């Protein structure tokens, strides 16, 4: 397995509220873990929320005695949600903070992943497919037939999310599983990438890179060239590659 992660503040924001994490070392029942989180809140609240959420996930998974991956991952995310709310209630500077999260683990040929918010997980091979569903207002409008999928990309309310870590006491977590095959590349990213770069371009950049390091750096540059209006965070993983490179 080979993985590479990178974040960038972008061209407009002063603070980087995106946080990414990868490890190929076991955490409790998970043999590896890949996480992307996009924080929201005031000047310091968003970056605190994204990083703290990942720290709670790592801690909870590490000490988990649960053998079921789904139960362990969802429990860890729900614990992070409760702790973010608790911390925010005690510090006025952190009030209203929250974060998206998409977390994945790969066990043999299976990938298990969960998300809250609009950070995404894509599968790239012969084409590109978004495997997570955005928890956003425009995605709800698409599902209900109010707007067409192609209209969602540039809708004025595209940044309004309907679920986040830290928003409600009981967070609803989506969980998925997918069988991997040789040649698959997994892209996990915040909306600072997916809003700036069309899916087709994401596909061509990833497939055109000499390796996933070059591909990841090219994705960041493309987002910045297209405006870079938000922080950019991403993880690229080749499940069946031999080596590991982390940033």
Protein backbone atom coordinates (compact mmCIF):
# COMPACT_ATOMS: atom_id res chain seq x y z
CA UNK A 1 0.00 0.00 0.00
CA UNK A 2 1.18 3.51 -0.80
CA UNK A 3 -0.33 6.68 0.60
CA UNK A 4 0.37 10.40 0.50
CA UNK A 5 -1.40 13.26 2.27
CA UNK A 6 -1.18 17.02 1.86
CA UNK A 7 -2.94 20.21 2.94
CA UNK A 8 -2.64 23.79 1.71
CA UNK A 9 -4.17 27.03 3.01
CA UNK A 10 -5.22 28.01 -0.53
CA UNK A 11 -5.19 31.49 -2.05
CA UNK A 12 -7.73 33.34 0.12
CA UNK A 13 -7.92 32.02 3.69
CA UNK A 14 -5.52 33.07 6.43
CA UNK A 15 -5.84 29.89 8.53
CA UNK A 16 -5.73 26.27 7.39
CA UNK A 17 -8.72 24.50 8.97
CA UNK A 18 -8.25 21.26 7.01
CA UNK A 19 -6.56 18.36 8.78
CA UNK A 20 -5.46 15.07 7.25
CA UNK A 21 -4.07 11.94 8.87
CA UNK A 22 -2.76 8.61 7.60
CA UNK A 23 -1.19 5.60 9.27
CA UNK A 24 -0.44 2.07 8.16
CA UNK A 25 -0.04 0.95 11.77
CA UNK A 26 -2.96 -0.80 13.49
CA UNK A 27 -5.36 1.19 15.66
CA UNK A 28 -7.43 -1.29 17.67
CA UNK A 29 -9.43 -3.42 15.19
CA UNK A 30 -8.32 -1.29 12.21
CA UNK A 31 -5.09 -2.27 10.41
CA UNK A 32 -4.71 1.28 9.04
CA UNK A 33 -6.54 4.60 9.04
CA UNK A 34 -6.97 7.50 6.60
CA UNK A 35 -8.86 10.64 7.64
CA UNK A 36 -9.74 14.00 6.09
CA UNK A 37 -11.48 16.69 8.17
CA UNK A 38 -12.58 20.20 7.20
CA UNK A 39 -13.07 22.42 10.22
CA UNK A 40 -15.47 25.33 10.52
CA UNK A 41 -15.87 28.10 13.04
CA UNK A 42 -14.05 31.25 14.09
CA UNK A 43 -10.39 32.10 13.62
CA UNK A 44 -9.09 29.29 15.83
CA UNK A 45 -12.19 27.13 16.24
CA UNK A 46 -12.20 25.38 12.86
CA UNK A 47 -8.61 24.24 12.91
CA UNK A 48 -9.02 23.10 16.53
CA UNK A 49 -12.17 21.11 15.65
CA UNK A 50 -10.65 19.21 12.72
CA UNK A 51 -7.44 18.30 14.53
CA UNK A 52 -9.16 17.44 17.81
CA UNK A 53 -11.67 15.20 16.03
CA UNK A 54 -8.85 13.19 14.46
CA UNK A 55 -7.07 12.93 17.82
CA UNK A 56 -10.25 11.53 19.42
CA UNK A 57 -10.69 9.04 16.57
CA UNK A 58 -7.12 7.79 17.02
CA UNK A 59 -7.51 7.50 20.80
CA UNK A 60 -10.89 5.76 20.69
CA UNK A 61 -9.86 3.28 18.01
CA UNK A 62 -6.56 2.50 19.70
CA UNK A 63 -8.27 1.53 22.96
CA UNK A 64 -11.32 -0.09 21.35
CA UNK A 65 -12.04 -3.73 22.15
CA UNK A 66 -14.73 -3.86 19.48
CA UNK A 67 -13.81 -6.30 16.71
CA UNK A 68 -16.43 -5.05 14.26
CA UNK A 69 -14.92 -2.30 12.08
CA UNK A 70 -18.25 -0.55 11.47
CA UNK A 71 -19.15 -0.39 15.16
CA UNK A 72 -15.65 0.74 16.16
CA UNK A 73 -15.45 3.50 13.55
CA UNK A 74 -18.96 4.84 14.16
CA UNK A 75 -18.45 4.78 17.93
CA UNK A 76 -15.20 6.75 17.55
CA UNK A 77 -16.85 9.37 15.33
CA UNK A 78 -19.82 9.75 17.67
CA UNK A 79 -17.47 10.10 20.64
CA UNK A 80 -15.58 12.85 18.79
CA UNK A 81 -18.88 14.61 18.16
CA UNK A 82 -19.81 14.57 21.85
CA UNK A 83 -16.36 15.77 22.89
CA UNK A 84 -16.32 18.64 20.36
CA UNK A 85 -19.68 19.84 21.71
CA UNK A 86 -18.43 19.54 25.29
CA UNK A 87 -15.19 21.46 24.65
CA UNK A 88 -17.02 24.17 22.70
CA UNK A 89 -19.48 24.70 25.56
CA UNK A 90 -16.62 25.49 27.94
CA UNK A 91 -14.65 27.95 25.78
CA UNK A 92 -16.28 30.99 24.16
CA UNK A 93 -13.52 31.12 21.53
CA UNK A 94 -14.51 27.64 20.36
CA UNK A 95 -18.29 28.12 20.50
CA UNK A 96 -20.03 26.92 17.33
CA UNK A 97 -17.03 24.99 16.03
CA UNK A 98 -17.51 21.89 13.95
CA UNK A 99 -15.91 19.79 11.27
CA UNK A 100 -16.65 17.37 8.48
CA UNK A 101 -14.96 13.99 8.58
CA UNK A 102 -14.37 11.16 6.15
CA UNK A 103 -12.46 8.17 7.52
CA UNK A 104 -11.43 4.96 5.80
CA UNK A 105 -9.62 1.72 6.53
CA UNK A 106 -8.56 -1.06 4.17
CA UNK A 107 -8.71 -4.66 5.30
CA UNK A 108 -7.38 -7.15 2.73
CA UNK A 109 -9.45 -6.38 -0.38
CA UNK A 110 -12.21 -4.50 1.41
CA UNK A 111 -12.43 -0.79 2.14
CA UNK A 112 -14.65 0.40 4.99
CA UNK A 113 -15.36 4.09 5.28
CA UNK A 114 -17.63 6.57 7.02
CA UNK A 115 -18.46 10.24 6.56
CA UNK A 116 -20.24 13.21 8.08
CA UNK A 117 -20.52 16.40 6.03
CA UNK A 118 -19.33 17.13 2.50
CA UNK A 119 -15.74 15.94 2.48
CA UNK A 120 -15.56 13.17 -0.09
CA UNK A 121 -14.11 9.77 -0.94
CA UNK A 122 -13.62 9.00 -4.62
CA UNK A 123 -12.69 5.74 -6.33
CA UNK A 124 -10.42 6.23 -9.35
CA UNK A 125 -9.59 3.47 -11.84
CA UNK A 126 -10.94 3.42 -15.39
CA UNK A 127 -13.03 6.43 -14.40
CA UNK A 128 -13.88 8.41 -11.28
CA UNK A 129 -16.77 7.71 -8.93
CA UNK A 130 -17.76 9.52 -5.73
CA UNK A 131 -18.53 6.79 -3.19
CA UNK A 132 -19.65 9.04 -0.31
CA UNK A 133 -22.79 11.16 -0.34
CA UNK A 134 -22.51 14.85 0.57
CA UNK A 135 -24.54 15.92 3.57
CA UNK A 136 -25.32 19.31 2.08
CA UNK A 137 -28.32 21.45 1.24
CA UNK A 138 -27.76 21.25 -2.52
CA UNK A 139 -27.35 17.46 -2.38
CA UNK A 140 -30.73 17.26 -0.62
CA UNK A 141 -32.19 19.49 -3.35
CA UNK A 142 -30.78 17.16 -6.02
CA UNK A 143 -32.22 14.10 -4.28
CA UNK A 144 -35.63 15.72 -4.05
CA UNK A 145 -35.52 16.74 -7.71
CA UNK A 146 -35.38 20.47 -6.98
CA UNK A 147 -32.24 21.02 -9.02
CA UNK A 148 -30.21 18.98 -11.50
CA UNK A 149 -26.84 17.49 -10.47
CA UNK A 150 -24.98 19.81 -12.86
CA UNK A 151 -26.62 22.83 -11.20
CA UNK A 152 -25.41 21.80 -7.73
CA UNK A 153 -21.74 22.52 -8.50
CA UNK A 154 -22.27 26.28 -8.82
CA UNK A 155 -25.33 26.76 -6.63
CA UNK A 156 -25.02 29.76 -4.26
CA UNK A 157 -25.88 27.55 -1.25
CA UNK A 158 -23.39 24.77 -2.10
CA UNK A 159 -21.37 25.38 1.08
CA UNK A 160 -24.30 24.84 3.46
CA UNK A 161 -23.91 21.41 5.04
CA UNK A 162 -26.70 19.50 6.77
CA UNK A 163 -24.52 17.34 9.03
CA UNK A 164 -21.28 18.07 10.88
CA UNK A 165 -19.29 16.90 13.87
CA UNK A 166 -20.19 19.33 16.67
CA UNK A 167 -23.54 20.45 15.28
CA UNK A 168 -25.96 18.18 17.19
CA UNK A 169 -25.70 15.88 20.18
CA UNK A 170 -26.65 12.84 18.11
CA UNK A 171 -24.78 12.82 14.83
CA UNK A 172 -25.85 10.49 12.02
CA UNK A 173 -22.87 8.72 10.44
CA UNK A 174 -22.99 7.12 6.98
CA UNK A 175 -20.99 3.89 6.71
CA UNK A 176 -20.00 2.09 3.51
CA UNK A 177 -17.98 -0.87 2.31
CA UNK A 178 -16.44 -1.46 -1.09
CA UNK A 179 -14.42 -4.30 -2.58
CA UNK A 180 -11.14 -3.04 -4.01
CA UNK A 181 -9.34 -4.29 -7.07
CA UNK A 182 -5.88 -3.87 -8.59
CA UNK A 183 -5.36 -0.45 -10.12
CA UNK A 184 -7.75 1.33 -7.74
CA UNK A 185 -6.70 4.68 -6.33
CA UNK A 186 -8.62 6.25 -3.46
CA UNK A 187 -8.92 10.04 -3.26
CA UNK A 188 -10.27 11.56 -0.05
CA UNK A 189 -10.60 15.34 -0.02
CA UNK A 190 -12.24 18.45 1.42
CA UNK A 191 -14.51 20.69 -0.64
CA UNK A 192 -11.59 23.06 -1.14
CA UNK A 193 -10.51 20.58 -3.81
CA UNK A 194 -13.83 19.20 -5.08
CA UNK A 195 -15.38 22.68 -5.45
CA UNK A 196 -12.40 24.00 -7.36
CA UNK A 197 -11.65 21.07 -9.68
CA UNK A 198 -14.22 19.18 -11.76
CA UNK A 199 -14.39 15.41 -11.31
CA UNK A 200 -13.09 14.74 -14.83
CA UNK A 201 -10.06 16.94 -14.15
CA UNK A 202 -9.45 15.17 -10.83
CA UNK A 203 -9.38 11.89 -12.73
CA UNK A 204 -6.97 13.10 -15.42
CA UNK A 205 -4.58 14.68 -12.90
CA UNK A 206 -4.43 11.54 -10.75
CA UNK A 207 -3.96 9.22 -13.72
CA UNK A 208 -1.44 11.59 -15.33
CA UNK A 209 0.89 11.77 -12.32
CA UNK A 210 4.11 9.77 -12.31
CA UNK A 211 3.15 8.71 -8.79
CA UNK A 212 0.60 9.71 -6.16
CA UNK A 213 2.97 12.28 -4.67
CA UNK A 214 3.15 14.20 -7.94
CA UNK A 215 -0.59 13.68 -8.48
CA UNK A 216 -1.45 15.08 -5.03
CA UNK A 217 0.75 18.13 -5.52
CA UNK A 218 -0.77 18.70 -8.98
CA UNK A 219 -4.29 18.50 -7.50
CA UNK A 220 -3.42 21.22 -4.98
CA UNK A 221 -1.94 23.41 -7.72
CA UNK A 222 -5.04 22.93 -9.90
CA UNK A 223 -7.33 24.00 -7.03
CA UNK A 224 -5.20 27.11 -6.45
CA UNK A 225 -5.05 27.96 -10.15
CA UNK A 226 -8.85 27.77 -10.26
CA UNK A 227 -9.18 30.27 -7.42
CA UNK A 228 -8.14 28.41 -4.28
CA UNK A 229 -10.96 30.06 -2.33
CA UNK A 230 -10.82 27.51 0.49
CA UNK A 231 -8.27 25.34 2.27
CA UNK A 232 -7.31 22.19 0.37
CA UNK A 233 -6.83 18.83 2.08
CA UNK A 234 -6.48 15.42 0.50
CA UNK A 235 -5.26 11.86 0.91
CA UNK A 236 -4.34 9.66 -2.05
CA UNK A 237 -3.98 5.92 -1.50
CA UNK A 238 -3.00 3.03 -3.75
CA UNK A 239 -4.22 -0.02 -1.82
CA UNK A 240 -2.17 -2.56 -3.79
CA UNK A 241 1.10 -0.62 -4.11
CA UNK A 242 4.13 -1.80 -2.16
CA UNK A 243 5.59 1.26 -0.48
CA UNK A 244 4.39 3.92 1.91
CA UNK A 245 5.14 7.65 1.76
CA UNK A 246 3.55 10.07 4.19
CA UNK A 247 3.64 13.86 4.41
